[in-house]
């Protein structure tokens, strides 16, 4: 069985927002408490992109960006192979740009 966290990262990189959200939620359910905010932050990143690309819900997208920054902030600069500082910077750059969010950092 695939590791849901690694699978979520692959899906996020591929722009498969809803599937990435699902994978990160699976990882979140099994995670230790210290990891849950990090994983939830990744869920918020995926959902913000989903709203921008699919649902057209600007307020929902903006809220997800705010939540992502808040949850990921404590994990800056890097955590579990992710450049969290770049991801938090992305959330700031994405605010107010709906529906044309910038590409996620690689």
N, C-alpha and C. Protein backbone atom coordinates (compact mmCIF):
# COMPACT_ATOMS: atom_id res chain seq x y z
N UNK A 1 0.84 -1.19 0.00
CA UNK A 1 0.00 0.00 0.00
C UNK A 1 0.89 1.25 0.00
N UNK A 2 0.50 2.23 -0.77
CA UNK A 2 1.25 3.48 -0.88
C UNK A 2 1.14 4.31 0.38
N UNK A 3 2.23 5.01 0.70
CA UNK A 3 2.21 5.95 1.81
C UNK A 3 1.35 7.15 1.39
N UNK A 4 0.28 7.44 2.12
CA UNK A 4 -0.62 8.52 1.71
C UNK A 4 0.06 9.88 1.66
N UNK A 5 1.02 10.12 2.53
CA UNK A 5 1.73 11.40 2.52
C UNK A 5 2.52 11.57 1.21
N UNK A 6 3.32 10.57 0.87
CA UNK A 6 4.11 10.63 -0.36
C UNK A 6 3.20 10.71 -1.58
N UNK A 7 2.12 9.96 -1.55
CA UNK A 7 1.17 9.99 -2.66
C UNK A 7 0.54 11.39 -2.77
N UNK A 8 0.21 12.00 -1.63
CA UNK A 8 -0.34 13.34 -1.63
C UNK A 8 0.62 14.35 -2.24
N UNK A 9 1.91 14.24 -1.92
CA UNK A 9 2.90 15.14 -2.51
C UNK A 9 2.96 14.97 -4.03
N UNK A 10 2.92 13.73 -4.49
CA UNK A 10 2.93 13.47 -5.94
C UNK A 10 1.70 14.09 -6.60
N UNK A 11 0.54 13.89 -5.98
CA UNK A 11 -0.70 14.43 -6.54
C UNK A 11 -0.70 15.95 -6.53
N UNK A 12 -0.18 16.55 -5.47
CA UNK A 12 -0.09 18.00 -5.39
C UNK A 12 0.79 18.54 -6.52
N UNK A 13 1.94 17.91 -6.72
CA UNK A 13 2.85 18.33 -7.79
C UNK A 13 2.22 18.18 -9.17
N UNK A 14 1.32 17.21 -9.30
CA UNK A 14 0.65 16.95 -10.59
C UNK A 14 -0.59 17.82 -10.79
N UNK A 15 -0.95 18.61 -9.78
CA UNK A 15 -2.14 19.45 -9.90
C UNK A 15 -3.44 18.70 -9.73
N UNK A 16 -3.37 17.55 -9.11
CA UNK A 16 -4.57 16.75 -8.82
C UNK A 16 -5.06 17.15 -7.43
N UNK A 17 -5.69 18.31 -7.37
CA UNK A 17 -6.00 18.95 -6.08
C UNK A 17 -6.90 18.12 -5.19
N UNK A 18 -8.02 17.65 -5.72
CA UNK A 18 -8.96 16.91 -4.87
C UNK A 18 -8.35 15.61 -4.38
N UNK A 19 -7.67 14.90 -5.27
CA UNK A 19 -7.04 13.63 -4.88
C UNK A 19 -5.93 13.87 -3.86
N UNK A 20 -5.17 14.97 -4.01
CA UNK A 20 -4.13 15.30 -3.04
C UNK A 20 -4.75 15.57 -1.67
N UNK A 21 -5.84 16.29 -1.68
CA UNK A 21 -6.57 16.58 -0.44
C UNK A 21 -6.96 15.28 0.26
N UNK A 22 -7.49 14.34 -0.50
CA UNK A 22 -7.91 13.05 0.08
C UNK A 22 -6.72 12.28 0.64
N UNK A 23 -5.60 12.25 -0.09
CA UNK A 23 -4.42 11.53 0.38
C UNK A 23 -3.88 12.15 1.66
N UNK A 24 -3.79 13.49 1.70
CA UNK A 24 -3.30 14.15 2.91
C UNK A 24 -4.24 13.93 4.09
N UNK A 25 -5.52 13.87 3.84
CA UNK A 25 -6.45 13.57 4.94
C UNK A 25 -6.25 12.16 5.46
N UNK A 26 -5.98 11.21 4.56
CA UNK A 26 -5.68 9.84 5.01
C UNK A 26 -4.42 9.84 5.88
N UNK A 27 -3.40 10.58 5.46
CA UNK A 27 -2.17 10.67 6.25
C UNK A 27 -2.45 11.35 7.60
N UNK A 28 -3.27 12.38 7.58
CA UNK A 28 -3.61 13.12 8.80
C UNK A 28 -4.29 12.21 9.83
N UNK A 29 -5.21 11.38 9.36
CA UNK A 29 -5.93 10.49 10.28
C UNK A 29 -4.99 9.54 11.03
N UNK A 30 -3.92 9.12 10.36
CA UNK A 30 -2.98 8.16 10.95
C UNK A 30 -1.81 8.83 11.66
N UNK A 31 -1.71 10.14 11.59
CA UNK A 31 -0.53 10.86 12.07
C UNK A 31 -0.51 11.05 13.57
N UNK A 32 0.70 11.20 14.07
CA UNK A 32 0.91 11.60 15.45
C UNK A 32 0.43 13.04 15.61
N UNK A 33 0.00 13.45 16.80
CA UNK A 33 -0.49 14.82 17.00
C UNK A 33 0.46 15.91 16.52
N UNK A 34 1.77 15.73 16.67
CA UNK A 34 2.73 16.75 16.28
C UNK A 34 2.78 16.97 14.77
N UNK A 35 2.29 16.02 14.00
CA UNK A 35 2.30 16.12 12.54
C UNK A 35 0.99 16.62 11.96
N UNK A 36 -0.04 16.65 12.73
CA UNK A 36 -1.37 16.92 12.18
C UNK A 36 -1.54 18.31 11.59
N UNK A 37 -1.01 19.33 12.24
CA UNK A 37 -1.14 20.68 11.68
C UNK A 37 -0.42 20.78 10.34
N UNK A 38 0.75 20.16 10.24
CA UNK A 38 1.48 20.17 8.98
C UNK A 38 0.65 19.54 7.86
N UNK A 39 0.12 18.38 8.13
CA UNK A 39 -0.69 17.69 7.12
C UNK A 39 -1.95 18.46 6.80
N UNK A 40 -2.57 19.04 7.80
CA UNK A 40 -3.77 19.85 7.56
C UNK A 40 -3.43 21.07 6.72
N UNK A 41 -2.26 21.65 6.93
CA UNK A 41 -1.82 22.76 6.11
C UNK A 41 -1.71 22.37 4.64
N UNK A 42 -1.21 21.18 4.38
CA UNK A 42 -1.13 20.68 3.00
C UNK A 42 -2.52 20.45 2.43
N UNK A 43 -3.44 19.98 3.25
CA UNK A 43 -4.83 19.84 2.82
C UNK A 43 -5.36 21.20 2.38
N UNK A 44 -5.12 22.23 3.16
CA UNK A 44 -5.61 23.58 2.84
C UNK A 44 -5.01 24.10 1.52
N UNK A 45 -3.74 23.80 1.27
CA UNK A 45 -3.11 24.20 0.01
C UNK A 45 -3.84 23.54 -1.17
N UNK A 46 -4.08 22.24 -1.03
CA UNK A 46 -4.77 21.52 -2.11
C UNK A 46 -6.18 22.05 -2.32
N UNK A 47 -6.89 22.31 -1.24
CA UNK A 47 -8.28 22.78 -1.35
C UNK A 47 -8.33 24.20 -1.92
N UNK A 48 -7.39 25.06 -1.56
CA UNK A 48 -7.36 26.41 -2.14
C UNK A 48 -7.22 26.33 -3.65
N UNK A 49 -6.31 25.48 -4.11
CA UNK A 49 -6.13 25.31 -5.55
C UNK A 49 -7.37 24.70 -6.20
N UNK A 50 -8.00 23.79 -5.52
CA UNK A 50 -9.24 23.19 -6.04
C UNK A 50 -10.31 24.26 -6.23
N UNK A 51 -10.46 25.13 -5.26
CA UNK A 51 -11.46 26.21 -5.38
C UNK A 51 -11.11 27.14 -6.53
N UNK A 52 -9.84 27.47 -6.68
CA UNK A 52 -9.43 28.39 -7.75
C UNK A 52 -9.65 27.79 -9.13
N UNK A 53 -9.39 26.51 -9.25
CA UNK A 53 -9.45 25.87 -10.56
C UNK A 53 -10.82 25.30 -10.90
N UNK A 54 -11.60 24.92 -9.88
CA UNK A 54 -12.81 24.15 -10.14
C UNK A 54 -14.10 24.82 -9.68
N UNK A 55 -14.13 25.29 -8.45
CA UNK A 55 -15.43 25.71 -7.89
C UNK A 55 -15.74 27.18 -8.11
N UNK A 56 -14.71 28.01 -8.29
CA UNK A 56 -14.94 29.44 -8.46
C UNK A 56 -15.31 30.16 -7.18
N UNK A 57 -15.04 29.56 -6.04
CA UNK A 57 -15.42 30.15 -4.75
C UNK A 57 -14.25 30.95 -4.17
N UNK A 58 -14.23 32.24 -4.46
CA UNK A 58 -13.12 33.10 -4.06
C UNK A 58 -12.96 33.18 -2.54
N UNK A 59 -14.04 33.34 -1.80
CA UNK A 59 -13.94 33.46 -0.34
C UNK A 59 -13.41 32.16 0.26
N UNK A 60 -13.89 31.04 -0.23
CA UNK A 60 -13.41 29.74 0.26
C UNK A 60 -11.93 29.57 -0.02
N UNK A 61 -11.49 29.99 -1.20
CA UNK A 61 -10.08 29.90 -1.56
C UNK A 61 -9.24 30.75 -0.63
N UNK A 62 -9.64 31.98 -0.42
CA UNK A 62 -8.88 32.89 0.45
C UNK A 62 -8.80 32.34 1.88
N UNK A 63 -9.87 31.79 2.37
CA UNK A 63 -9.86 31.21 3.72
C UNK A 63 -8.90 30.03 3.81
N UNK A 64 -8.88 29.21 2.77
CA UNK A 64 -7.97 28.07 2.76
C UNK A 64 -6.52 28.52 2.74
N UNK A 65 -6.22 29.60 2.00
CA UNK A 65 -4.86 30.14 1.98
C UNK A 65 -4.45 30.63 3.36
N UNK A 66 -5.36 31.32 4.05
CA UNK A 66 -5.07 31.80 5.40
C UNK A 66 -4.81 30.64 6.35
N UNK A 67 -5.66 29.62 6.28
CA UNK A 67 -5.50 28.45 7.15
C UNK A 67 -4.20 27.72 6.86
N UNK A 68 -3.86 27.60 5.58
CA UNK A 68 -2.62 26.92 5.21
C UNK A 68 -1.41 27.62 5.82
N UNK A 69 -1.37 28.94 5.69
CA UNK A 69 -0.24 29.70 6.23
C UNK A 69 -0.15 29.54 7.75
N UNK A 70 -1.28 29.59 8.40
CA UNK A 70 -1.30 29.47 9.87
C UNK A 70 -0.82 28.09 10.32
N UNK A 71 -1.29 27.05 9.67
CA UNK A 71 -0.93 25.69 10.09
C UNK A 71 0.50 25.32 9.70
N UNK A 72 0.97 25.82 8.56
CA UNK A 72 2.31 25.46 8.09
C UNK A 72 3.41 26.30 8.74
N UNK A 73 3.07 27.50 9.19
CA UNK A 73 4.06 28.41 9.75
C UNK A 73 5.02 27.81 10.77
N UNK A 74 4.52 27.04 11.74
CA UNK A 74 5.43 26.48 12.74
C UNK A 74 6.44 25.47 12.18
N UNK A 75 6.26 25.02 10.97
CA UNK A 75 7.14 24.01 10.39
C UNK A 75 8.21 24.61 9.47
N UNK A 76 8.26 25.95 9.35
CA UNK A 76 9.27 26.63 8.54
C UNK A 76 10.63 26.38 9.20
N UNK A 77 11.69 26.18 8.47
CA UNK A 77 11.83 26.34 7.03
C UNK A 77 11.55 25.06 6.23
N UNK A 78 11.86 23.88 6.77
CA UNK A 78 11.63 22.62 6.05
C UNK A 78 11.05 21.61 7.01
N UNK A 79 10.23 20.74 6.46
CA UNK A 79 9.67 19.66 7.26
C UNK A 79 9.32 18.51 6.33
N UNK A 80 9.76 17.33 6.68
CA UNK A 80 9.45 16.10 5.93
C UNK A 80 9.72 16.24 4.44
N UNK A 81 10.81 16.87 4.10
CA UNK A 81 11.20 17.01 2.71
C UNK A 81 10.52 18.13 1.95
N UNK A 82 9.72 18.93 2.63
CA UNK A 82 8.99 20.02 1.97
C UNK A 82 9.63 21.35 2.36
N UNK A 83 9.83 22.21 1.37
CA UNK A 83 10.31 23.57 1.62
C UNK A 83 9.10 24.37 2.10
N UNK A 84 8.87 24.31 3.38
CA UNK A 84 7.69 24.94 3.97
C UNK A 84 7.78 26.46 3.88
N UNK A 85 8.97 27.01 3.98
CA UNK A 85 9.12 28.46 3.85
C UNK A 85 8.63 28.92 2.48
N UNK A 86 8.98 28.19 1.44
CA UNK A 86 8.52 28.54 0.09
C UNK A 86 7.01 28.38 -0.03
N UNK A 87 6.47 27.35 0.60
CA UNK A 87 5.03 27.12 0.54
C UNK A 87 4.26 28.21 1.28
N UNK A 88 4.76 28.64 2.43
CA UNK A 88 4.13 29.74 3.16
C UNK A 88 4.23 31.02 2.34
N UNK A 89 5.38 31.24 1.70
CA UNK A 89 5.52 32.39 0.81
C UNK A 89 4.54 32.33 -0.35
N UNK A 90 4.30 31.13 -0.85
CA UNK A 90 3.32 30.94 -1.93
C UNK A 90 1.92 31.36 -1.46
N UNK A 91 1.55 31.01 -0.23
CA UNK A 91 0.21 31.38 0.25
C UNK A 91 0.06 32.90 0.27
N UNK A 92 1.12 33.61 0.66
CA UNK A 92 1.07 35.08 0.68
C UNK A 92 0.95 35.63 -0.74
N UNK A 93 1.72 35.06 -1.66
CA UNK A 93 1.68 35.52 -3.05
C UNK A 93 0.35 35.20 -3.72
N UNK A 94 -0.31 34.14 -3.27
CA UNK A 94 -1.57 33.70 -3.90
C UNK A 94 -2.76 34.54 -3.44
N UNK A 95 -2.69 35.13 -2.29
CA UNK A 95 -3.82 35.91 -1.78
C UNK A 95 -4.14 37.06 -2.72
N UNK A 96 -5.41 37.19 -3.01
CA UNK A 96 -5.87 38.27 -3.87
C UNK A 96 -5.66 38.02 -5.36
N UNK A 97 -5.20 36.85 -5.73
CA UNK A 97 -4.94 36.55 -7.14
C UNK A 97 -5.95 35.57 -7.73
N UNK A 98 -6.98 35.26 -7.01
CA UNK A 98 -8.00 34.32 -7.46
C UNK A 98 -8.56 34.76 -8.81
N UNK A 99 -8.77 33.87 -9.74
CA UNK A 99 -8.50 32.44 -9.73
C UNK A 99 -7.14 32.07 -10.27
N UNK A 100 -6.30 33.07 -10.53
CA UNK A 100 -4.99 32.82 -11.14
C UNK A 100 -3.90 32.70 -10.07
N UNK A 101 -3.98 31.64 -9.28
CA UNK A 101 -2.98 31.43 -8.26
C UNK A 101 -1.65 31.14 -8.93
N UNK A 102 -0.54 31.57 -8.30
CA UNK A 102 0.76 31.26 -8.88
C UNK A 102 1.02 29.75 -8.79
N UNK A 103 1.93 29.25 -9.60
CA UNK A 103 2.27 27.82 -9.49
C UNK A 103 2.89 27.53 -8.12
N UNK A 104 2.64 26.34 -7.64
CA UNK A 104 3.24 25.93 -6.38
C UNK A 104 4.75 25.84 -6.52
N UNK A 105 5.49 26.16 -5.45
CA UNK A 105 6.94 26.00 -5.51
C UNK A 105 7.30 24.53 -5.66
N UNK A 106 8.37 24.25 -6.33
CA UNK A 106 8.82 22.86 -6.54
C UNK A 106 9.87 22.52 -5.55
